[in-house]
Amino acid sequence: MNQPNRLEAAYAKRREVLGDEYVDRMTAELEGRVKEFQDYLTEMAWGVWTREGPLSTRDRSLLVLAMTAATGRMDEFRLHARASVNAGVVDAEIDELVFQLAAYCGAPAAVSARREIATLRTEGDSA
């Protein structure tokens, strides 16, 4: 896939998972180096979601949840936990992910993820 098509596909996947409102807000009125950086991040991070192969959007969403929680990136974890419903992830899968997280990454990572999930569910968001 050539450069413009790869970036276009990455933005389309980002919109599919995170929603138009979020992407529009994050990309509104960007210019120069800031726009270049946003395009770079989108192509790099969301471009991997567009790869052909055995991983579905749902699988990739679960992986991102696990990786962001394991590395303590709770802002990103929260963002992806909210959006995971758009990728076909159900609450029970996120609950199970937390057990895996505790076993392989430790209690602190799992407790932080569980706390974020509880907050999202209290606010009425999926996760």
C-alpha atoms as a PDB file:
ATOM      1  CA  MET A   1       0.000   0.000   0.000  1.00  0.00           C
ATOM      2  CA  ASN A   2       1.461   3.388  -0.920  1.00  0.00           C
ATOM      3  CA  GLN A   3       1.958   6.232   1.565  1.00  0.00           C
ATOM      4  CA  PRO A   4      -1.274   8.257   0.976  1.00  0.00           C
ATOM      5  CA  ASN A   5      -3.424   5.106   0.932  1.00  0.00           C
ATOM      6  CA  ARG A   6      -1.767   3.785   4.101  1.00  0.00           C
ATOM      7  CA  LEU A   7      -2.423   7.061   5.932  1.00  0.00           C
ATOM      8  CA  GLU A   8      -5.995   7.192   4.619  1.00  0.00           C
ATOM      9  CA  ALA A   9      -6.636   3.605   5.746  1.00  0.00           C
ATOM     10  CA  ALA A  10      -5.136   4.366   9.162  1.00  0.00           C
ATOM     11  CA  TYR A  11      -7.389   7.405   9.646  1.00  0.00           C
ATOM     12  CA  ALA A  12     -10.411   5.341   8.549  1.00  0.00           C
ATOM     13  CA  LYS A  13      -9.617   2.635  11.117  1.00  0.00           C
ATOM     14  CA  ARG A  14      -9.009   5.273  13.813  1.00  0.00           C
ATOM     15  CA  ARG A  15     -12.438   6.758  13.078  1.00  0.00           C
ATOM     16  CA  GLU A  16     -14.069   3.311  13.072  1.00  0.00           C
ATOM     17  CA  VAL A  17     -12.727   2.484  16.529  1.00  0.00           C
ATOM     18  CA  LEU A  18     -12.557   5.855  18.302  1.00  0.00           C
ATOM     19  CA  GLY A  19     -15.402   7.617  16.505  1.00  0.00           C
ATOM     20  CA  ASP A  20     -15.594  10.663  14.273  1.00  0.00           C
ATOM     21  CA  GLU A  21     -16.160  13.121  17.130  1.00  0.00           C
ATOM     22  CA  TYR A  22     -12.939  12.154  18.915  1.00  0.00           C
ATOM     23  CA  VAL A  23     -10.804  12.119  15.757  1.00  0.00           C
ATOM     24  CA  ASP A  24     -12.262  15.422  14.560  1.00  0.00           C
ATOM     25  CA  ARG A  25     -11.510  17.002  17.930  1.00  0.00           C
ATOM     26  CA  MET A  26      -7.937  15.696  17.944  1.00  0.00           C
ATOM     27  CA  THR A  27      -7.187  16.775  14.380  1.00  0.00           C
ATOM     28  CA  ALA A  28      -9.058  20.097  14.175  1.00  0.00           C
ATOM     29  CA  GLU A  29      -7.026  23.045  12.966  1.00  0.00           C
ATOM     30  CA  LEU A  30      -3.683  21.244  12.939  1.00  0.00           C
ATOM     31  CA  GLU A  31      -0.921  22.850  10.925  1.00  0.00           C
ATOM     32  CA  GLY A  32       2.734  22.369  10.142  1.00  0.00           C
ATOM     33  CA  ARG A  33       4.783  20.101  12.397  1.00  0.00           C
ATOM     34  CA  VAL A  34       1.829  19.366  14.689  1.00  0.00           C
ATOM     35  CA  LYS A  35      -0.202  18.003  11.750  1.00  0.00           C
ATOM     36  CA  GLU A  36       2.829  16.117  10.502  1.00  0.00           C
ATOM     37  CA  PHE A  37       3.224  14.535  13.954  1.00  0.00           C
ATOM     38  CA  GLN A  38      -0.496  13.636  14.172  1.00  0.00           C
ATOM     39  CA  ASP A  39      -0.318  12.012  10.721  1.00  0.00           C
ATOM     40  CA  TYR A  40       2.823  10.119  11.743  1.00  0.00           C
ATOM     41  CA  LEU A  41       1.176   8.791  14.925  1.00  0.00           C
ATOM     42  CA  THR A  42      -1.962   7.821  13.035  1.00  0.00           C
ATOM     43  CA  GLU A  43      -0.056   6.033  10.298  1.00  0.00           C
ATOM     44  CA  MET A  44       2.208   4.231  12.763  1.00  0.00           C
ATOM     45  CA  ALA A  45      -0.268   3.297  15.494  1.00  0.00           C
ATOM     46  CA  TRP A  46      -3.463   2.895  13.472  1.00  0.00           C
ATOM     47  CA  GLY A  47      -1.751   1.638  10.346  1.00  0.00           C
ATOM     48  CA  VAL A  48      -0.879  -1.554  12.197  1.00  0.00           C
ATOM     49  CA  TRP A  49      -4.614  -2.061  12.803  1.00  0.00           C
ATOM     50  CA  THR A  50      -5.140  -2.157   9.007  1.00  0.00           C
ATOM     51  CA  ARG A  51      -2.684  -4.973   8.341  1.00  0.00           C
ATOM     52  CA  GLU A  52      -4.114  -8.049   6.715  1.00  0.00           C
ATOM     53  CA  GLY A  53      -3.729 -11.218   8.663  1.00  0.00           C
ATOM     54  CA  PRO A  54      -5.235 -13.316  11.400  1.00  0.00           C
ATOM     55  CA  LEU A  55      -5.856 -10.531  13.950  1.00  0.00           C
ATOM     56  CA  SER A  56      -9.283  -8.929  13.891  1.00  0.00           C
ATOM     57  CA  THR A  57     -10.081  -5.403  15.029  1.00  0.00           C
ATOM     58  CA  ARG A  58     -11.454  -6.974  18.213  1.00  0.00           C
ATOM     59  CA  ASP A  59      -8.197  -8.876  18.786  1.00  0.00           C
ATOM     60  CA  ARG A  60      -6.161  -5.715  18.239  1.00  0.00           C
ATOM     61  CA  SER A  61      -8.362  -3.791  20.658  1.00  0.00           C
ATOM     62  CA  LEU A  62      -7.804  -6.397  23.373  1.00  0.00           C
ATOM     63  CA  LEU A  63      -4.059  -6.311  22.710  1.00  0.00           C
ATOM     64  CA  VAL A  64      -3.961  -2.528  23.004  1.00  0.00           C
ATOM     65  CA  LEU A  65      -5.906  -2.699  26.266  1.00  0.00           C
ATOM     66  CA  ALA A  66      -3.444  -5.234  27.661  1.00  0.00           C
ATOM     67  CA  MET A  67      -0.363  -3.316  26.499  1.00  0.00           C
ATOM     68  CA  THR A  68      -1.512   0.091  27.696  1.00  0.00           C
ATOM     69  CA  ALA A  69      -2.513  -1.307  31.089  1.00  0.00           C
ATOM     70  CA  ALA A  70       0.731  -3.279  31.415  1.00  0.00           C
ATOM     71  CA  THR A  71       2.811  -0.186  30.697  1.00  0.00           C
ATOM     72  CA  GLY A  72       0.758   2.055  32.969  1.00  0.00           C
ATOM     73  CA  ARG A  73      -0.593   4.236  30.145  1.00  0.00           C
ATOM     74  CA  MET A  74      -3.956   4.754  31.821  1.00  0.00           C
ATOM     75  CA  ASP A  75      -5.027   7.711  29.645  1.00  0.00           C
ATOM     76  CA  GLU A  76      -4.673   5.505  26.577  1.00  0.00           C
ATOM     77  CA  PHE A  77      -6.187   2.541  28.415  1.00  0.00           C
ATOM     78  CA  ARG A  78      -9.268   4.627  29.276  1.00  0.00           C
ATOM     79  CA  LEU A  79      -9.585   5.872  25.692  1.00  0.00           C
ATOM     80  CA  HIS A  80      -9.366   2.356  24.269  1.00  0.00           C
ATOM     81  CA  ALA A  81     -11.585   0.843  26.955  1.00  0.00           C
ATOM     82  CA  ARG A  82     -14.342   3.298  25.985  1.00  0.00           C
ATOM     83  CA  ALA A  83     -13.821   2.567  22.292  1.00  0.00           C
ATOM     84  CA  SER A  84     -13.474  -1.205  22.662  1.00  0.00           C
ATOM     85  CA  VAL A  85     -17.225  -1.697  22.192  1.00  0.00           C
ATOM     86  CA  ASN A  86     -16.796  -0.290  18.653  1.00  0.00           C
ATOM     87  CA  ALA A  87     -14.252  -3.039  18.024  1.00  0.00           C
ATOM     88  CA  GLY A  88     -16.602  -5.769  19.219  1.00  0.00           C
ATOM     89  CA  VAL A  89     -15.114  -6.264  22.679  1.00  0.00           C
ATOM     90  CA  VAL A  90     -17.561  -7.106  25.460  1.00  0.00           C
ATOM     91  CA  ASP A  91     -17.237  -6.260  29.147  1.00  0.00           C
ATOM     92  CA  ALA A  92     -16.658  -9.893  30.145  1.00  0.00           C
ATOM     93  CA  GLU A  93     -13.568 -10.006  27.907  1.00  0.00           C
ATOM     94  CA  ILE A  94     -12.131  -6.912  29.561  1.00  0.00           C
ATOM     95  CA  ASP A  95     -12.821  -8.427  32.967  1.00  0.00           C
ATOM     96  CA  GLU A  96     -10.929 -11.566  31.942  1.00  0.00           C
ATOM     97  CA  LEU A  97      -8.108  -9.462  30.508  1.00  0.00           C
ATOM     98  CA  VAL A  98      -7.578  -7.982  33.990  1.00  0.00           C
ATOM     99  CA  PHE A  99      -7.001 -11.469  35.426  1.00  0.00           C
ATOM    100  CA  GLN A 100      -4.409 -12.161  32.713  1.00  0.00           C
ATOM    101  CA  LEU A 101      -2.848  -8.792  33.438  1.00  0.00           C
ATOM    102  CA  ALA A 102      -2.536  -9.599  37.147  1.00  0.00           C
ATOM    103  CA  ALA A 103      -0.962 -12.984  36.433  1.00  0.00           C
ATOM    104  CA  TYR A 104       1.581 -11.799  33.880  1.00  0.00           C
ATOM    105  CA  CYS A 105       2.178  -8.111  34.665  1.00  0.00           C
ATOM    106  CA  GLY A 106       1.449  -7.878  38.355  1.00  0.00           C
ATOM    107  CA  ALA A 107      -1.193  -6.708  40.749  1.00  0.00           C
ATOM    108  CA  PRO A 108      -0.444  -2.956  40.484  1.00  0.00           C
ATOM    109  CA  ALA A 109      -1.149  -2.906  36.729  1.00  0.00           C
ATOM    110  CA  ALA A 110      -4.302  -4.973  37.176  1.00  0.00           C
ATOM    111  CA  VAL A 111      -5.560  -2.874  40.083  1.00  0.00           C
ATOM    112  CA  SER A 112      -5.061   0.322  38.070  1.00  0.00           C
ATOM    113  CA  ALA A 113      -6.920  -1.171  35.104  1.00  0.00           C
ATOM    114  CA  ARG A 114      -9.725  -2.456  37.325  1.00  0.00           C
ATOM    115  CA  ARG A 115     -10.050   1.019  38.895  1.00  0.00           C
ATOM    116  CA  GLU A 116     -10.325   2.651  35.457  1.00  0.00           C
ATOM    117  CA  ILE A 117     -12.910   0.107  34.325  1.00  0.00           C
ATOM    118  CA  ALA A 118     -14.995   0.652  37.464  1.00  0.00           C
ATOM    119  CA  THR A 119     -14.901   4.424  36.885  1.00  0.00           C
ATOM    120  CA  LEU A 120     -15.972   4.041  33.251  1.00  0.00           C
ATOM    121  CA  ARG A 121     -18.822   1.714  34.193  1.00  0.00           C
ATOM    122  CA  THR A 122     -19.978   4.109  36.901  1.00  0.00           C
ATOM    123  CA  GLU A 123     -19.986   6.913  34.327  1.00  0.00           C
ATOM    124  CA  GLY A 124     -22.130   4.733  32.058  1.00  0.00           C
ATOM    125  CA  ASP A 125     -19.439   3.989  29.485  1.00  0.00           C
ATOM    126  CA  SER A 126     -18.782   0.465  28.311  1.00  0.00           C
ATOM    127  CA  ALA A 127     -15.690  -1.269  29.601  1.00  0.00           C
END
